[in-house]
N, C-alpha and C. Protein backbone atom coordinates (compact mmCIF):
# COMPACT_ATOMS: atom_id res chain seq x y z
N GLN A 1 0.85 -1.18 0.00
CA GLN A 1 0.00 0.00 0.00
C GLN A 1 0.89 1.24 0.00
N VAL A 2 0.51 2.20 -0.83
CA VAL A 2 1.30 3.42 -0.94
C VAL A 2 1.22 4.21 0.36
N ARG A 3 2.28 4.90 0.68
CA ARG A 3 2.31 5.84 1.80
C ARG A 3 2.64 7.21 1.25
N VAL A 4 2.06 8.25 1.87
CA VAL A 4 2.28 9.61 1.39
C VAL A 4 2.63 10.52 2.55
N SER A 5 3.39 11.57 2.24
CA SER A 5 3.80 12.52 3.27
C SER A 5 3.85 13.91 2.67
N GLU A 6 3.14 14.85 3.30
CA GLU A 6 3.07 16.22 2.81
C GLU A 6 4.12 17.11 3.46
N SER A 7 4.43 18.20 2.78
CA SER A 7 5.31 19.23 3.32
C SER A 7 5.01 20.54 2.61
N GLY A 8 5.54 21.62 3.17
CA GLY A 8 5.42 22.91 2.51
C GLY A 8 4.45 23.88 3.14
N GLY A 9 3.74 23.44 4.16
CA GLY A 9 2.81 24.34 4.81
C GLY A 9 3.53 25.45 5.55
N GLY A 10 2.78 26.46 5.96
CA GLY A 10 3.36 27.57 6.68
C GLY A 10 2.40 28.72 6.77
N SER A 11 2.91 29.87 7.14
CA SER A 11 2.09 31.07 7.27
C SER A 11 2.36 32.01 6.10
N VAL A 12 1.31 32.60 5.58
CA VAL A 12 1.45 33.51 4.45
C VAL A 12 0.38 34.59 4.56
N GLN A 13 0.67 35.73 4.03
CA GLN A 13 -0.31 36.82 4.04
C GLN A 13 -1.32 36.64 2.92
N ALA A 14 -2.49 37.19 3.13
CA ALA A 14 -3.53 37.14 2.11
C ALA A 14 -3.00 37.70 0.80
N GLY A 15 -3.33 37.01 -0.28
CA GLY A 15 -2.84 37.41 -1.59
C GLY A 15 -1.56 36.71 -1.98
N GLY A 16 -0.94 36.06 -1.04
CA GLY A 16 0.33 35.39 -1.29
C GLY A 16 0.18 34.01 -1.87
N SER A 17 1.32 33.34 -2.02
CA SER A 17 1.35 32.01 -2.64
C SER A 17 2.14 31.06 -1.77
N LEU A 18 1.87 29.78 -1.98
CA LEU A 18 2.56 28.73 -1.25
C LEU A 18 2.51 27.47 -2.11
N ARG A 19 3.54 26.65 -2.03
CA ARG A 19 3.52 25.38 -2.77
C ARG A 19 3.69 24.22 -1.81
N LEU A 20 2.76 23.31 -1.87
CA LEU A 20 2.83 22.09 -1.08
C LEU A 20 3.36 20.95 -1.91
N SER A 21 4.02 20.02 -1.24
CA SER A 21 4.52 18.82 -1.90
C SER A 21 4.02 17.59 -1.16
N CYS A 22 3.90 16.52 -1.88
CA CYS A 22 3.48 15.24 -1.29
C CYS A 22 4.29 14.14 -1.95
N VAL A 23 5.12 13.50 -1.16
CA VAL A 23 5.96 12.42 -1.68
C VAL A 23 5.26 11.09 -1.41
N ALA A 24 5.11 10.30 -2.45
CA ALA A 24 4.51 8.98 -2.33
C ALA A 24 5.60 7.91 -2.34
N SER A 25 5.33 6.81 -1.67
CA SER A 25 6.33 5.73 -1.58
C SER A 25 6.45 4.97 -2.89
N THR A 26 5.45 5.11 -3.75
CA THR A 26 5.47 4.45 -5.04
C THR A 26 4.55 5.20 -6.00
N HIS A 27 4.58 4.81 -7.25
CA HIS A 27 3.69 5.45 -8.22
C HIS A 27 2.23 5.25 -7.81
N SER A 28 1.45 6.30 -8.02
CA SER A 28 0.04 6.25 -7.65
C SER A 28 -0.84 6.54 -8.85
N ALA A 29 -1.92 5.79 -8.98
CA ALA A 29 -2.81 5.94 -10.12
C ALA A 29 -3.74 7.14 -9.99
N CYS A 30 -4.02 7.52 -8.76
CA CYS A 30 -4.90 8.66 -8.51
C CYS A 30 -4.41 9.36 -7.26
N MET A 31 -4.27 10.66 -7.33
CA MET A 31 -3.82 11.43 -6.17
C MET A 31 -4.71 12.66 -6.03
N ALA A 32 -4.84 13.11 -4.80
CA ALA A 32 -5.73 14.23 -4.55
C ALA A 32 -5.29 15.02 -3.34
N TRP A 33 -5.80 16.21 -3.25
CA TRP A 33 -5.62 17.06 -2.07
C TRP A 33 -6.98 17.31 -1.45
N PHE A 34 -7.00 17.30 -0.13
CA PHE A 34 -8.17 17.76 0.59
C PHE A 34 -7.71 18.56 1.79
N ARG A 35 -8.61 19.27 2.39
CA ARG A 35 -8.24 20.09 3.54
C ARG A 35 -9.33 20.05 4.59
N ARG A 36 -8.93 20.40 5.78
CA ARG A 36 -9.89 20.48 6.89
C ARG A 36 -9.56 21.73 7.70
N ALA A 37 -10.50 22.67 7.70
CA ALA A 37 -10.35 23.88 8.51
C ALA A 37 -10.98 23.63 9.87
N LEU A 38 -10.51 24.37 10.85
CA LEU A 38 -10.99 24.21 12.22
C LEU A 38 -12.50 24.44 12.26
N GLY A 39 -13.23 23.46 12.78
CA GLY A 39 -14.66 23.60 12.92
C GLY A 39 -15.46 23.40 11.65
N LYS A 40 -14.78 23.01 10.58
CA LYS A 40 -15.48 22.81 9.30
C LYS A 40 -15.31 21.38 8.81
N ALA A 41 -16.14 21.04 7.88
CA ALA A 41 -16.09 19.70 7.31
C ALA A 41 -14.89 19.56 6.38
N ARG A 42 -14.46 18.31 6.19
CA ARG A 42 -13.40 18.03 5.23
C ARG A 42 -13.84 18.46 3.83
N GLU A 43 -12.88 19.00 3.08
CA GLU A 43 -13.18 19.46 1.72
C GLU A 43 -12.15 18.94 0.73
N GLY A 44 -12.58 18.06 -0.14
CA GLY A 44 -11.74 17.64 -1.24
C GLY A 44 -11.80 18.69 -2.31
N PHE A 45 -10.66 19.03 -2.93
CA PHE A 45 -10.71 20.14 -3.86
C PHE A 45 -9.85 19.99 -5.11
N SER A 46 -8.96 19.02 -5.17
CA SER A 46 -8.17 18.86 -6.38
C SER A 46 -7.69 17.43 -6.52
N ALA A 47 -7.66 16.96 -7.76
CA ALA A 47 -7.23 15.59 -8.03
C ALA A 47 -6.53 15.52 -9.38
N ILE A 48 -5.69 14.48 -9.52
CA ILE A 48 -4.99 14.26 -10.78
C ILE A 48 -4.91 12.76 -11.02
N ASP A 49 -5.21 12.35 -12.23
CA ASP A 49 -5.19 10.92 -12.50
C ASP A 49 -3.86 10.50 -13.15
N ALA A 50 -3.77 9.25 -13.52
CA ALA A 50 -2.53 8.71 -14.04
C ALA A 50 -2.11 9.37 -15.35
N ASP A 51 -3.08 9.85 -16.11
CA ASP A 51 -2.77 10.51 -17.38
C ASP A 51 -2.45 11.98 -17.23
N GLY A 52 -2.59 12.48 -16.01
CA GLY A 52 -2.33 13.90 -15.78
C GLY A 52 -3.55 14.78 -15.91
N SER A 53 -4.72 14.19 -16.11
CA SER A 53 -5.94 14.98 -16.15
C SER A 53 -6.29 15.43 -14.74
N THR A 54 -6.81 16.64 -14.64
CA THR A 54 -7.01 17.25 -13.33
C THR A 54 -8.46 17.68 -13.11
N ALA A 55 -8.76 17.92 -11.85
CA ALA A 55 -10.08 18.46 -11.48
C ALA A 55 -9.91 19.36 -10.28
N TYR A 56 -10.77 20.37 -10.22
CA TYR A 56 -10.73 21.32 -9.11
C TYR A 56 -12.14 21.61 -8.64
N ALA A 57 -12.27 21.81 -7.35
CA ALA A 57 -13.53 22.30 -6.81
C ALA A 57 -13.63 23.79 -7.09
N ASP A 58 -14.84 24.30 -7.12
CA ASP A 58 -15.05 25.71 -7.44
C ASP A 58 -14.32 26.64 -6.48
N SER A 59 -14.15 26.19 -5.24
CA SER A 59 -13.55 27.05 -4.21
C SER A 59 -12.08 27.40 -4.51
N VAL A 60 -11.42 26.58 -5.34
CA VAL A 60 -10.00 26.83 -5.62
C VAL A 60 -9.71 26.99 -7.11
N LYS A 61 -10.71 26.76 -7.94
CA LYS A 61 -10.51 26.82 -9.39
C LYS A 61 -9.99 28.20 -9.80
N GLY A 62 -8.93 28.18 -10.61
CA GLY A 62 -8.34 29.43 -11.07
C GLY A 62 -7.27 29.97 -10.14
N ARG A 63 -7.17 29.40 -8.92
CA ARG A 63 -6.15 29.87 -7.97
C ARG A 63 -5.12 28.80 -7.65
N PHE A 64 -5.55 27.56 -7.60
CA PHE A 64 -4.67 26.44 -7.24
C PHE A 64 -4.35 25.62 -8.48
N ILE A 65 -3.14 25.07 -8.50
CA ILE A 65 -2.73 24.19 -9.61
C ILE A 65 -2.14 22.92 -9.04
N ILE A 66 -2.69 21.79 -9.44
CA ILE A 66 -2.16 20.49 -9.04
C ILE A 66 -1.28 19.95 -10.16
N SER A 67 -0.18 19.34 -9.78
CA SER A 67 0.71 18.75 -10.77
C SER A 67 1.47 17.61 -10.12
N LYS A 68 2.17 16.85 -10.92
CA LYS A 68 2.95 15.75 -10.36
C LYS A 68 4.19 15.51 -11.19
N ASP A 69 5.19 14.97 -10.52
CA ASP A 69 6.41 14.56 -11.18
C ASP A 69 6.53 13.05 -10.99
N ASN A 70 6.22 12.30 -12.02
CA ASN A 70 6.20 10.85 -11.90
C ASN A 70 7.57 10.27 -11.61
N SER A 71 8.60 10.94 -12.07
CA SER A 71 9.96 10.43 -11.83
C SER A 71 10.34 10.50 -10.36
N LYS A 72 9.65 11.37 -9.63
CA LYS A 72 9.94 11.54 -8.20
C LYS A 72 8.79 11.06 -7.32
N ASN A 73 7.74 10.52 -7.95
CA ASN A 73 6.54 10.10 -7.19
C ASN A 73 6.07 11.23 -6.27
N THR A 74 6.07 12.42 -6.79
CA THR A 74 5.75 13.61 -5.99
C THR A 74 4.59 14.38 -6.59
N LEU A 75 3.67 14.73 -5.74
CA LEU A 75 2.51 15.54 -6.09
C LEU A 75 2.73 16.95 -5.55
N TYR A 76 2.31 17.93 -6.32
CA TYR A 76 2.46 19.32 -5.91
C TYR A 76 1.11 20.04 -5.89
N LEU A 77 1.06 21.09 -5.11
CA LEU A 77 -0.10 21.98 -5.13
C LEU A 77 0.41 23.41 -5.05
N GLN A 78 0.31 24.11 -6.15
CA GLN A 78 0.66 25.53 -6.17
C GLN A 78 -0.58 26.32 -5.80
N MET A 79 -0.49 27.08 -4.72
CA MET A 79 -1.63 27.83 -4.23
C MET A 79 -1.34 29.33 -4.39
N ASN A 80 -2.17 30.00 -5.15
CA ASN A 80 -2.02 31.42 -5.40
C ASN A 80 -3.24 32.19 -4.89
N SER A 81 -3.07 33.49 -4.75
CA SER A 81 -4.17 34.35 -4.30
C SER A 81 -4.85 33.80 -3.05
N LEU A 82 -4.05 33.42 -2.10
CA LEU A 82 -4.59 32.83 -0.88
C LEU A 82 -5.39 33.84 -0.07
N ASN A 83 -6.42 33.35 0.58
CA ASN A 83 -7.22 34.18 1.47
C ASN A 83 -7.48 33.43 2.78
N SER A 84 -8.09 34.10 3.72
CA SER A 84 -8.27 33.51 5.05
C SER A 84 -9.11 32.23 5.00
N ASP A 85 -9.97 32.11 4.02
CA ASP A 85 -10.78 30.89 3.90
C ASP A 85 -9.94 29.67 3.54
N ASP A 86 -8.72 29.91 3.09
CA ASP A 86 -7.84 28.79 2.73
C ASP A 86 -7.06 28.26 3.94
N THR A 87 -7.18 28.92 5.08
CA THR A 87 -6.51 28.44 6.28
C THR A 87 -7.07 27.08 6.68
N ALA A 88 -6.19 26.08 6.74
CA ALA A 88 -6.62 24.71 7.00
C ALA A 88 -5.40 23.81 7.09
N THR A 89 -5.64 22.60 7.53
CA THR A 89 -4.62 21.56 7.40
C THR A 89 -4.87 20.86 6.07
N TYR A 90 -3.82 20.76 5.28
CA TYR A 90 -3.93 20.20 3.93
C TYR A 90 -3.37 18.78 3.92
N TYR A 91 -4.12 17.90 3.29
CA TYR A 91 -3.76 16.49 3.24
C TYR A 91 -3.65 16.02 1.79
N CYS A 92 -2.72 15.14 1.61
CA CYS A 92 -2.56 14.45 0.34
C CYS A 92 -3.16 13.04 0.50
N ALA A 93 -3.77 12.55 -0.55
CA ALA A 93 -4.31 11.19 -0.53
C ALA A 93 -4.01 10.52 -1.87
N ALA A 94 -3.85 9.21 -1.84
CA ALA A 94 -3.46 8.52 -3.07
C ALA A 94 -3.95 7.09 -3.07
N ASP A 95 -4.06 6.55 -4.28
CA ASP A 95 -4.34 5.13 -4.46
C ASP A 95 -3.34 4.58 -5.46
N GLU A 96 -2.66 3.52 -5.08
CA GLU A 96 -1.58 3.00 -5.92
C GLU A 96 -2.10 2.35 -7.19
N MET A 97 -3.21 1.61 -7.08
CA MET A 97 -3.60 0.74 -8.18
C MET A 97 -4.83 1.18 -8.96
N ASP A 98 -5.81 1.76 -8.27
CA ASP A 98 -7.11 1.97 -8.90
C ASP A 98 -7.27 3.38 -9.44
N GLY A 99 -6.90 3.57 -10.69
CA GLY A 99 -7.00 4.88 -11.30
C GLY A 99 -8.43 5.31 -11.53
N SER A 100 -9.37 4.36 -11.56
CA SER A 100 -10.76 4.72 -11.82
C SER A 100 -11.36 5.54 -10.69
N ILE A 101 -10.73 5.54 -9.54
CA ILE A 101 -11.23 6.33 -8.41
C ILE A 101 -11.28 7.80 -8.80
N CYS A 102 -10.28 8.24 -9.53
CA CYS A 102 -10.23 9.65 -9.92
C CYS A 102 -11.41 10.06 -10.80
N SER A 103 -12.04 9.12 -11.47
CA SER A 103 -13.15 9.45 -12.36
C SER A 103 -14.35 10.00 -11.61
N GLU A 104 -14.32 9.91 -10.28
CA GLU A 104 -15.39 10.55 -9.49
C GLU A 104 -15.44 12.05 -9.77
N VAL A 105 -14.26 12.62 -10.01
CA VAL A 105 -14.20 14.07 -10.19
C VAL A 105 -13.49 14.50 -11.46
N VAL A 106 -12.74 13.59 -12.08
CA VAL A 106 -11.96 13.94 -13.27
C VAL A 106 -12.62 13.37 -14.51
N GLY A 107 -12.75 14.21 -15.54
CA GLY A 107 -13.23 13.72 -16.82
C GLY A 107 -14.70 13.99 -17.07
N ALA A 108 -15.11 13.68 -18.29
CA ALA A 108 -16.47 13.98 -18.73
C ALA A 108 -17.54 13.21 -17.97
N GLU A 109 -17.20 12.05 -17.44
CA GLU A 109 -18.17 11.22 -16.74
C GLU A 109 -18.17 11.47 -15.23
N ALA A 110 -17.44 12.50 -14.80
CA ALA A 110 -17.30 12.75 -13.37
C ALA A 110 -18.65 13.04 -12.72
N ARG A 111 -18.85 12.45 -11.53
CA ARG A 111 -20.09 12.70 -10.79
C ARG A 111 -19.93 13.82 -9.79
N GLY A 112 -18.68 14.24 -9.59
CA GLY A 112 -18.44 15.40 -8.75
C GLY A 112 -18.48 15.13 -7.27
N SER A 113 -18.31 13.84 -6.87
CA SER A 113 -18.37 13.53 -5.45
C SER A 113 -16.97 13.54 -4.84
N TRP A 114 -16.60 14.67 -4.29
CA TRP A 114 -15.28 14.76 -3.68
C TRP A 114 -15.19 13.88 -2.43
N ASP A 115 -16.25 13.77 -1.68
CA ASP A 115 -16.23 12.91 -0.49
C ASP A 115 -16.03 11.46 -0.88
N GLN A 116 -16.71 11.03 -1.95
CA GLN A 116 -16.54 9.66 -2.42
C GLN A 116 -15.11 9.42 -2.85
N LEU A 117 -14.52 10.41 -3.54
CA LEU A 117 -13.14 10.29 -3.99
C LEU A 117 -12.21 10.10 -2.80
N ILE A 118 -12.29 11.00 -1.83
CA ILE A 118 -11.37 10.96 -0.69
C ILE A 118 -11.55 9.68 0.11
N ASP A 119 -12.79 9.26 0.30
CA ASP A 119 -13.04 8.03 1.06
C ASP A 119 -12.50 6.79 0.34
N SER A 120 -12.40 6.87 -0.98
CA SER A 120 -11.96 5.71 -1.76
C SER A 120 -10.44 5.58 -1.84
N LEU A 121 -9.74 6.66 -1.64
CA LEU A 121 -8.27 6.61 -1.72
C LEU A 121 -7.72 5.90 -0.49
N ASP A 122 -6.74 5.04 -0.68
CA ASP A 122 -6.36 4.17 0.43
C ASP A 122 -5.18 4.65 1.25
N ALA A 123 -4.65 5.81 0.94
CA ALA A 123 -3.55 6.35 1.75
C ALA A 123 -3.73 7.84 1.95
N TRP A 124 -3.66 8.26 3.19
CA TRP A 124 -3.75 9.67 3.52
C TRP A 124 -2.48 10.06 4.26
N GLY A 125 -2.05 11.31 4.07
CA GLY A 125 -0.89 11.79 4.79
C GLY A 125 -1.26 12.33 6.16
N GLN A 126 -0.26 12.86 6.85
CA GLN A 126 -0.46 13.41 8.19
C GLN A 126 -0.98 14.84 8.15
N GLY A 127 -0.81 15.49 7.02
CA GLY A 127 -1.30 16.86 6.89
C GLY A 127 -0.22 17.89 7.13
N THR A 128 -0.40 19.03 6.51
CA THR A 128 0.50 20.17 6.71
C THR A 128 -0.36 21.42 6.85
N LEU A 129 -0.05 22.23 7.85
CA LEU A 129 -0.91 23.37 8.18
C LEU A 129 -0.56 24.59 7.33
N VAL A 130 -1.59 25.19 6.77
CA VAL A 130 -1.46 26.45 6.04
C VAL A 130 -2.29 27.51 6.76
N THR A 131 -1.63 28.60 7.10
CA THR A 131 -2.31 29.70 7.78
C THR A 131 -2.19 30.96 6.95
N VAL A 132 -3.32 31.55 6.60
CA VAL A 132 -3.33 32.76 5.79
C VAL A 132 -3.83 33.90 6.66
N SER A 133 -3.01 34.91 6.81
CA SER A 133 -3.36 36.06 7.64
C SER A 133 -3.74 37.25 6.77
N SER A 134 -4.70 37.99 7.25
CA SER A 134 -5.18 39.15 6.47
C SER A 134 -4.51 40.42 6.93
């Protein structure tokens, strides 16, 4: 089973940028980012499948960019135009074998269930805290 570990969190002022990284122990067929803010529900917001196709939730679309480097088994999240609503602990999640999991949110047949996506991925990281100050 794949293992993942995030890094790159920190404090940033509103309007600023931050890049998170997630190193996986092996190649993953589907990878995603989700976050949990204090007192709020978990929110899945970005995913990338084995072919590099991506999906974003409306809350981050146009501001965040997900990418991966297959040679390093590393997932990235470039976060731009950060605001206080982005303050949260950010988690990486992955599935080594089942690329079809990503189809929940990626592609023309996507049903848009971010919760289903995150629940289906079999490895979650420990999280990295992002704090955006105004």
